[in-house]
Amino acid sequence: MASKKASKHQHYEILNLIGYELAKFDSAFIKEFGFKTKKSFFEYIVSLGIAETVNTVKNRQDLFDYFFDNPRKG
C-alpha cells in the first residue's frame, strides 16, 4: 500500500519566519510593520493569503515560544 506523505503548507517557510519573530520579539515585531495589535497583524497576514486563518499564525508562534524567555509557552 502506498503511503501518503503529508504536504507542507504553501507558505511553510514564511510562516515559520513569522512565528519565530513573533515568539522572539512579540509586540515589538508587529510594531515594526505599523500594527498596534497582534490581532490586526494576524488579520493582515490572512488578508495577504499567507495563512488561511488567524489561528494558523497563532499556532506558528506557539511552535517557537518554547525557545525564548517569554511568558507564552505555546
PDB file of N, CA and C in Angstrom:
ATOM      1  N   MET A   1       0.844  -1.171   0.000  1.00  0.00           N
ATOM      2  CA  MET A   1       0.000   0.000   0.000  1.00  0.00           C
ATOM      3  C   MET A   1       0.895   1.243   0.000  1.00  0.00           C
ATOM      4  N   ALA A   2       0.591   2.176  -0.857  1.00  0.00           N
ATOM      5  CA  ALA A   2       1.388   3.391  -0.968  1.00  0.00           C
ATOM      6  C   ALA A   2       1.079   4.319   0.202  1.00  0.00           C
ATOM      7  N   SER A   3       2.147   4.874   0.780  1.00  0.00           N
ATOM      8  CA  SER A   3       1.926   5.825   1.876  1.00  0.00           C
ATOM      9  C   SER A   3       1.735   7.221   1.310  1.00  0.00           C
ATOM     10  N   LYS A   4       0.938   7.977   1.975  1.00  0.00           N
ATOM     11  CA  LYS A   4       0.655   9.344   1.547  1.00  0.00           C
ATOM     12  C   LYS A   4       1.455  10.298   2.421  1.00  0.00           C
ATOM     13  N   LYS A   5       2.369  11.020   1.805  1.00  0.00           N
ATOM     14  CA  LYS A   5       3.200  11.967   2.539  1.00  0.00           C
ATOM     15  C   LYS A   5       2.405  13.250   2.780  1.00  0.00           C
ATOM     16  N   ALA A   6       2.450  13.729   4.014  1.00  0.00           N
ATOM     17  CA  ALA A   6       1.768  14.979   4.347  1.00  0.00           C
ATOM     18  C   ALA A   6       2.474  16.121   3.627  1.00  0.00           C
ATOM     19  N   SER A   7       1.713  16.970   2.992  1.00  0.00           N
ATOM     20  CA  SER A   7       2.316  18.076   2.270  1.00  0.00           C
ATOM     21  C   SER A   7       2.463  19.286   3.185  1.00  0.00           C
ATOM     22  N   LYS A   8       3.498  20.055   2.920  1.00  0.00           N
ATOM     23  CA  LYS A   8       3.738  21.270   3.694  1.00  0.00           C
ATOM     24  C   LYS A   8       2.772  22.353   3.248  1.00  0.00           C
ATOM     25  N   HIS A   9       2.502  23.258   4.149  1.00  0.00           N
ATOM     26  CA  HIS A   9       1.694  24.423   3.829  1.00  0.00           C
ATOM     27  C   HIS A   9       2.378  25.183   2.699  1.00  0.00           C
ATOM     28  N   GLN A  10       1.611  25.766   1.819  1.00  0.00           N
ATOM     29  CA  GLN A  10       2.153  26.505   0.676  1.00  0.00           C
ATOM     30  C   GLN A  10       3.162  27.568   1.117  1.00  0.00           C
ATOM     31  N   HIS A  11       2.927  28.202   2.237  1.00  0.00           N
ATOM     32  CA  HIS A  11       3.807  29.268   2.736  1.00  0.00           C
ATOM     33  C   HIS A  11       4.528  28.831   4.014  1.00  0.00           C
ATOM     34  N   TYR A  12       4.934  27.588   4.048  1.00  0.00           N
ATOM     35  CA  TYR A  12       5.565  26.976   5.221  1.00  0.00           C
ATOM     36  C   TYR A  12       6.733  27.809   5.758  1.00  0.00           C
ATOM     37  N   GLU A  13       7.653  28.190   4.873  1.00  0.00           N
ATOM     38  CA  GLU A  13       8.859  28.886   5.312  1.00  0.00           C
ATOM     39  C   GLU A  13       8.550  30.277   5.870  1.00  0.00           C
ATOM     40  N   ILE A  14       7.718  31.030   5.167  1.00  0.00           N
ATOM     41  CA  ILE A  14       7.410  32.385   5.638  1.00  0.00           C
ATOM     42  C   ILE A  14       6.617  32.333   6.944  1.00  0.00           C
ATOM     43  N   LEU A  15       5.741  31.357   7.076  1.00  0.00           N
ATOM     44  CA  LEU A  15       5.006  31.201   8.338  1.00  0.00           C
ATOM     45  C   LEU A  15       5.959  30.867   9.477  1.00  0.00           C
ATOM     46  N   ASN A  16       6.961  30.056   9.204  1.00  0.00           N
ATOM     47  CA  ASN A  16       7.956  29.753  10.232  1.00  0.00           C
ATOM     48  C   ASN A  16       8.723  31.011  10.641  1.00  0.00           C
ATOM     49  N   LEU A  17       9.089  31.818   9.671  1.00  0.00           N
ATOM     50  CA  LEU A  17       9.799  33.058   9.983  1.00  0.00           C
ATOM     51  C   LEU A  17       8.926  34.000  10.806  1.00  0.00           C
ATOM     52  N   ILE A  18       7.671  34.134  10.418  1.00  0.00           N
ATOM     53  CA  ILE A  18       6.749  34.991  11.163  1.00  0.00           C
ATOM     54  C   ILE A  18       6.565  34.454  12.584  1.00  0.00           C
ATOM     55  N   GLY A  19       6.365  33.152  12.715  1.00  0.00           N
ATOM     56  CA  GLY A  19       6.195  32.545  14.034  1.00  0.00           C
ATOM     57  C   GLY A  19       7.418  32.725  14.917  1.00  0.00           C
ATOM     58  N   TYR A  20       8.590  32.555  14.329  1.00  0.00           N
ATOM     59  CA  TYR A  20       9.846  32.730  15.059  1.00  0.00           C
ATOM     60  C   TYR A  20       9.981  34.157  15.576  1.00  0.00           C
ATOM     61  N   GLU A  21       9.749  35.120  14.694  1.00  0.00           N
ATOM     62  CA  GLU A  21       9.877  36.523  15.069  1.00  0.00           C
ATOM     63  C   GLU A  21       8.840  36.923  16.126  1.00  0.00           C
ATOM     64  N   LEU A  22       7.623  36.434  15.990  1.00  0.00           N
ATOM     65  CA  LEU A  22       6.595  36.721  16.997  1.00  0.00           C
ATOM     66  C   LEU A  22       6.984  36.156  18.352  1.00  0.00           C
ATOM     67  N   ALA A  23       7.513  34.933  18.365  1.00  0.00           N
ATOM     68  CA  ALA A  23       7.908  34.310  19.628  1.00  0.00           C
ATOM     69  C   ALA A  23       9.090  35.048  20.260  1.00  0.00           C
ATOM     70  N   LYS A  24      10.011  35.488  19.430  1.00  0.00           N
ATOM     71  CA  LYS A  24      11.212  36.136  19.951  1.00  0.00           C
ATOM     72  C   LYS A  24      10.975  37.594  20.356  1.00  0.00           C
ATOM     73  N   PHE A  25      10.269  38.349  19.512  1.00  0.00           N
ATOM     74  CA  PHE A  25      10.147  39.787  19.731  1.00  0.00           C
ATOM     75  C   PHE A  25       8.750  40.245  20.134  1.00  0.00           C
ATOM     76  N   ASP A  26       7.763  39.367  20.050  1.00  0.00           N
ATOM     77  CA  ASP A  26       6.391  39.631  20.464  1.00  0.00           C
ATOM     78  C   ASP A  26       5.857  40.925  19.840  1.00  0.00           C
ATOM     79  N   SER A  27       5.349  41.828  20.631  1.00  0.00           N
ATOM     80  CA  SER A  27       4.700  43.039  20.117  1.00  0.00           C
ATOM     81  C   SER A  27       5.667  43.973  19.389  1.00  0.00           C
ATOM     82  N   ALA A  28       6.926  43.955  19.739  1.00  0.00           N
ATOM     83  CA  ALA A  28       7.901  44.799  19.034  1.00  0.00           C
ATOM     84  C   ALA A  28       7.961  44.424  17.560  1.00  0.00           C
ATOM     85  N   PHE A  29       7.772  43.154  17.248  1.00  0.00           N
ATOM     86  CA  PHE A  29       7.792  42.705  15.852  1.00  0.00           C
ATOM     87  C   PHE A  29       6.627  43.288  15.071  1.00  0.00           C
ATOM     88  N   ILE A  30       5.426  43.222  15.620  1.00  0.00           N
ATOM     89  CA  ILE A  30       4.266  43.724  14.884  1.00  0.00           C
ATOM     90  C   ILE A  30       4.310  45.253  14.754  1.00  0.00           C
ATOM     91  N   LYS A  31       4.892  45.920  15.722  1.00  0.00           N
ATOM     92  CA  LYS A  31       5.007  47.377  15.660  1.00  0.00           C
ATOM     93  C   LYS A  31       5.933  47.815  14.527  1.00  0.00           C
ATOM     94  N   GLU A  32       6.910  46.995  14.189  1.00  0.00           N
ATOM     95  CA  GLU A  32       7.803  47.298  13.066  1.00  0.00           C
ATOM     96  C   GLU A  32       7.043  47.367  11.749  1.00  0.00           C
ATOM     97  N   PHE A  33       5.894  46.714  11.687  1.00  0.00           N
ATOM     98  CA  PHE A  33       5.060  46.717  10.488  1.00  0.00           C
ATOM     99  C   PHE A  33       3.922  47.727  10.583  1.00  0.00           C
ATOM    100  N   GLY A  34       3.905  48.507  11.661  1.00  0.00           N
ATOM    101  CA  GLY A  34       2.909  49.555  11.814  1.00  0.00           C
ATOM    102  C   GLY A  34       1.592  49.115  12.426  1.00  0.00           C
ATOM    103  N   PHE A  35       1.576  47.939  13.056  1.00  0.00           N
ATOM    104  CA  PHE A  35       0.352  47.449  13.685  1.00  0.00           C
ATOM    105  C   PHE A  35       0.412  47.684  15.187  1.00  0.00           C
ATOM    106  N   LYS A  36      -0.755  47.950  15.764  1.00  0.00           N
ATOM    107  CA  LYS A  36      -0.837  48.188  17.205  1.00  0.00           C
ATOM    108  C   LYS A  36      -1.226  46.940  17.976  1.00  0.00           C
ATOM    109  N   THR A  37      -1.892  46.000  17.303  1.00  0.00           N
ATOM    110  CA  THR A  37      -2.325  44.777  17.977  1.00  0.00           C
ATOM    111  C   THR A  37      -1.918  43.547  17.180  1.00  0.00           C
ATOM    112  N   LYS A  38      -1.740  42.463  17.898  1.00  0.00           N
ATOM    113  CA  LYS A  38      -1.449  41.203  17.220  1.00  0.00           C
ATOM    114  C   LYS A  38      -2.611  40.801  16.324  1.00  0.00           C
ATOM    115  N   LYS A  39      -3.815  41.020  16.816  1.00  0.00           N
ATOM    116  CA  LYS A  39      -4.993  40.638  16.035  1.00  0.00           C
ATOM    117  C   LYS A  39      -4.974  41.308  14.664  1.00  0.00           C
ATOM    118  N   SER A  40      -4.695  42.607  14.627  1.00  0.00           N
ATOM    119  CA  SER A  40      -4.674  43.302  13.333  1.00  0.00           C
ATOM    120  C   SER A  40      -3.533  42.787  12.454  1.00  0.00           C
ATOM    121  N   PHE A  41      -2.388  42.473  13.049  1.00  0.00           N
ATOM    122  CA  PHE A  41      -1.275  41.910  12.288  1.00  0.00           C
ATOM    123  C   PHE A  41      -1.645  40.532  11.743  1.00  0.00           C
ATOM    124  N   PHE A  42      -2.230  39.689  12.587  1.00  0.00           N
ATOM    125  CA  PHE A  42      -2.627  38.349  12.151  1.00  0.00           C
ATOM    126  C   PHE A  42      -3.653  38.429  11.021  1.00  0.00           C
ATOM    127  N   GLU A  43      -4.606  39.344  11.146  1.00  0.00           N
ATOM    128  CA  GLU A  43      -5.623  39.510  10.097  1.00  0.00           C
ATOM    129  C   GLU A  43      -4.984  39.985   8.794  1.00  0.00           C
ATOM    130  N   TYR A  44      -3.958  40.808   8.890  1.00  0.00           N
ATOM    131  CA  TYR A  44      -3.232  41.259   7.705  1.00  0.00           C
ATOM    132  C   TYR A  44      -2.548  40.079   7.012  1.00  0.00           C
ATOM    133  N   ILE A  45      -1.916  39.221   7.781  1.00  0.00           N
ATOM    134  CA  ILE A  45      -1.255  38.039   7.220  1.00  0.00           C
ATOM    135  C   ILE A  45      -2.272  37.168   6.491  1.00  0.00           C
ATOM    136  N   VAL A  46      -3.461  37.025   7.069  1.00  0.00           N
ATOM    137  CA  VAL A  46      -4.531  36.266   6.424  1.00  0.00           C
ATOM    138  C   VAL A  46      -4.975  36.966   5.142  1.00  0.00           C
ATOM    139  N   SER A  47      -5.122  38.285   5.183  1.00  0.00           N
ATOM    140  CA  SER A  47      -5.573  39.032   4.000  1.00  0.00           C
ATOM    141  C   SER A  47      -4.589  38.920   2.839  1.00  0.00           C
ATOM    142  N   LEU A  48      -3.310  38.739   3.159  1.00  0.00           N
ATOM    143  CA  LEU A  48      -2.294  38.560   2.113  1.00  0.00           C
ATOM    144  C   LEU A  48      -2.322  37.158   1.520  1.00  0.00           C
ATOM    145  N   GLY A  49      -3.032  36.255   2.174  1.00  0.00           N
ATOM    146  CA  GLY A  49      -3.092  34.874   1.699  1.00  0.00           C
ATOM    147  C   GLY A  49      -1.935  34.016   2.175  1.00  0.00           C
ATOM    148  N   ILE A  50      -1.153  34.522   3.119  1.00  0.00           N
ATOM    149  CA  ILE A  50      -0.030  33.745   3.657  1.00  0.00           C
ATOM    150  C   ILE A  50      -0.546  32.648   4.576  1.00  0.00           C
ATOM    151  N   ALA A  51      -1.592  32.960   5.338  1.00  0.00           N
ATOM    152  CA  ALA A  51      -2.238  31.983   6.219  1.00  0.00           C
ATOM    153  C   ALA A  51      -3.729  31.992   5.914  1.00  0.00           C
ATOM    154  N   GLU A  52      -4.366  30.862   6.159  1.00  0.00           N
ATOM    155  CA  GLU A  52      -5.806  30.767   5.898  1.00  0.00           C
ATOM    156  C   GLU A  52      -6.634  31.338   7.046  1.00  0.00           C
ATOM    157  N   THR A  53      -6.105  31.254   8.260  1.00  0.00           N
ATOM    158  CA  THR A  53      -6.838  31.747   9.423  1.00  0.00           C
ATOM    159  C   THR A  53      -5.869  32.423  10.396  1.00  0.00           C
ATOM    160  N   VAL A  54      -6.429  33.232  11.277  1.00  0.00           N
ATOM    161  CA  VAL A  54      -5.654  33.865  12.340  1.00  0.00           C
ATOM    162  C   VAL A  54      -5.025  32.791  13.223  1.00  0.00           C
ATOM    163  N   ASN A  55      -5.743  31.720  13.464  1.00  0.00           N
ATOM    164  CA  ASN A  55      -5.215  30.645  14.310  1.00  0.00           C
ATOM    165  C   ASN A  55      -3.983  29.983  13.710  1.00  0.00           C
ATOM    166  N   THR A  56      -3.881  29.965  12.396  1.00  0.00           N
ATOM    167  CA  THR A  56      -2.676  29.421  11.761  1.00  0.00           C
ATOM    168  C   THR A  56      -1.455  30.220  12.192  1.00  0.00           C
ATOM    169  N   VAL A  57      -1.580  31.532  12.225  1.00  0.00           N
ATOM    170  CA  VAL A  57      -0.463  32.389  12.632  1.00  0.00           C
ATOM    171  C   VAL A  57      -0.170  32.197  14.117  1.00  0.00           C
ATOM    172  N   LYS A  58      -1.211  32.171  14.935  1.00  0.00           N
ATOM    173  CA  LYS A  58      -1.040  31.951  16.379  1.00  0.00           C
ATOM    174  C   LYS A  58      -0.332  30.625  16.646  1.00  0.00           C
ATOM    175  N   ASN A  59      -0.765  29.586  15.948  1.00  0.00           N
ATOM    176  CA  ASN A  59      -0.171  28.263  16.153  1.00  0.00           C
ATOM    177  C   ASN A  59       1.292  28.236  15.750  1.00  0.00           C
ATOM    178  N   ARG A  60       1.644  28.980  14.715  1.00  0.00           N
ATOM    179  CA  ARG A  60       3.045  29.011  14.297  1.00  0.00           C
ATOM    180  C   ARG A  60       3.887  29.704  15.352  1.00  0.00           C
ATOM    181  N   GLN A  61       3.357  30.743  15.982  1.00  0.00           N
ATOM    182  CA  GLN A  61       4.073  31.390  17.083  1.00  0.00           C
ATOM    183  C   GLN A  61       4.243  30.402  18.225  1.00  0.00           C
ATOM    184  N   ASP A  62       3.191  29.643  18.519  1.00  0.00           N
ATOM    185  CA  ASP A  62       3.244  28.663  19.603  1.00  0.00           C
ATOM    186  C   ASP A  62       4.382  27.665  19.410  1.00  0.00           C
ATOM    187  N   LEU A  63       4.668  27.313  18.169  1.00  0.00           N
ATOM    188  CA  LEU A  63       5.738  26.350  17.899  1.00  0.00           C
ATOM    189  C   LEU A  63       7.096  26.845  18.383  1.00  0.00           C
ATOM    190  N   PHE A  64       7.293  28.149  18.366  1.00  0.00           N
ATOM    191  CA  PHE A  64       8.599  28.722  18.694  1.00  0.00           C
ATOM    192  C   PHE A  64       8.676  29.330  20.086  1.00  0.00           C
ATOM    193  N   ASP A  65       7.564  29.478  20.763  1.00  0.00           N
ATOM    194  CA  ASP A  65       7.563  30.077  22.100  1.00  0.00           C
ATOM    195  C   ASP A  65       8.506  29.362  23.064  1.00  0.00           C
ATOM    196  N   TYR A  66       8.587  28.070  22.943  1.00  0.00           N
ATOM    197  CA  TYR A  66       9.413  27.255  23.839  1.00  0.00           C
ATOM    198  C   TYR A  66      10.885  27.700  23.844  1.00  0.00           C
ATOM    199  N   PHE A  67      11.355  28.235  22.740  1.00  0.00           N
ATOM    200  CA  PHE A  67      12.779  28.549  22.586  1.00  0.00           C
ATOM    201  C   PHE A  67      13.179  29.896  23.174  1.00  0.00           C
ATOM    202  N   PHE A  68      12.218  30.691  23.602  1.00  0.00           N
ATOM    203  CA  PHE A  68      12.515  32.038  24.066  1.00  0.00           C
ATOM    204  C   PHE A  68      11.969  32.282  25.459  1.00  0.00           C
ATOM    205  N   ASP A  69      12.639  33.171  26.157  1.00  0.00           N
ATOM    206  CA  ASP A  69      12.217  33.550  27.503  1.00  0.00           C
ATOM    207  C   ASP A  69      11.080  34.561  27.402  1.00  0.00           C
ATOM    208  N   ASN A  70       9.888  34.059  27.348  1.00  0.00           N
ATOM    209  CA  ASN A  70       8.706  34.922  27.293  1.00  0.00           C
ATOM    210  C   ASN A  70       7.598  34.273  28.092  1.00  0.00           C
ATOM    211  N   PRO A  71       6.572  35.028  28.437  1.00  0.00           N
ATOM    212  CA  PRO A  71       5.507  34.457  29.274  1.00  0.00           C
ATOM    213  C   PRO A  71       4.655  33.424  28.538  1.00  0.00           C
ATOM    214  N   ARG A  72       4.722  33.438  27.216  1.00  0.00           N
ATOM    215  CA  ARG A  72       3.958  32.453  26.422  1.00  0.00           C
ATOM    216  C   ARG A  72       4.763  31.160  26.375  1.00  0.00           C
ATOM    217  N   LYS A  73       4.104  30.060  26.489  1.00  0.00           N
ATOM    218  CA  LYS A  73       4.788  28.772  26.409  1.00  0.00           C
ATOM    219  C   LYS A  73       4.107  27.826  25.444  1.00  0.00           C
ATOM    220  N   GLY A  74       3.518  28.423  24.398  1.00  0.00           N
ATOM    221  CA  GLY A  74       2.919  27.650  23.304  1.00  0.00           C
ATOM    222  C   GLY A  74       1.981  26.657  23.772  1.00  0.00           C
TER     223      GLY A  74
END
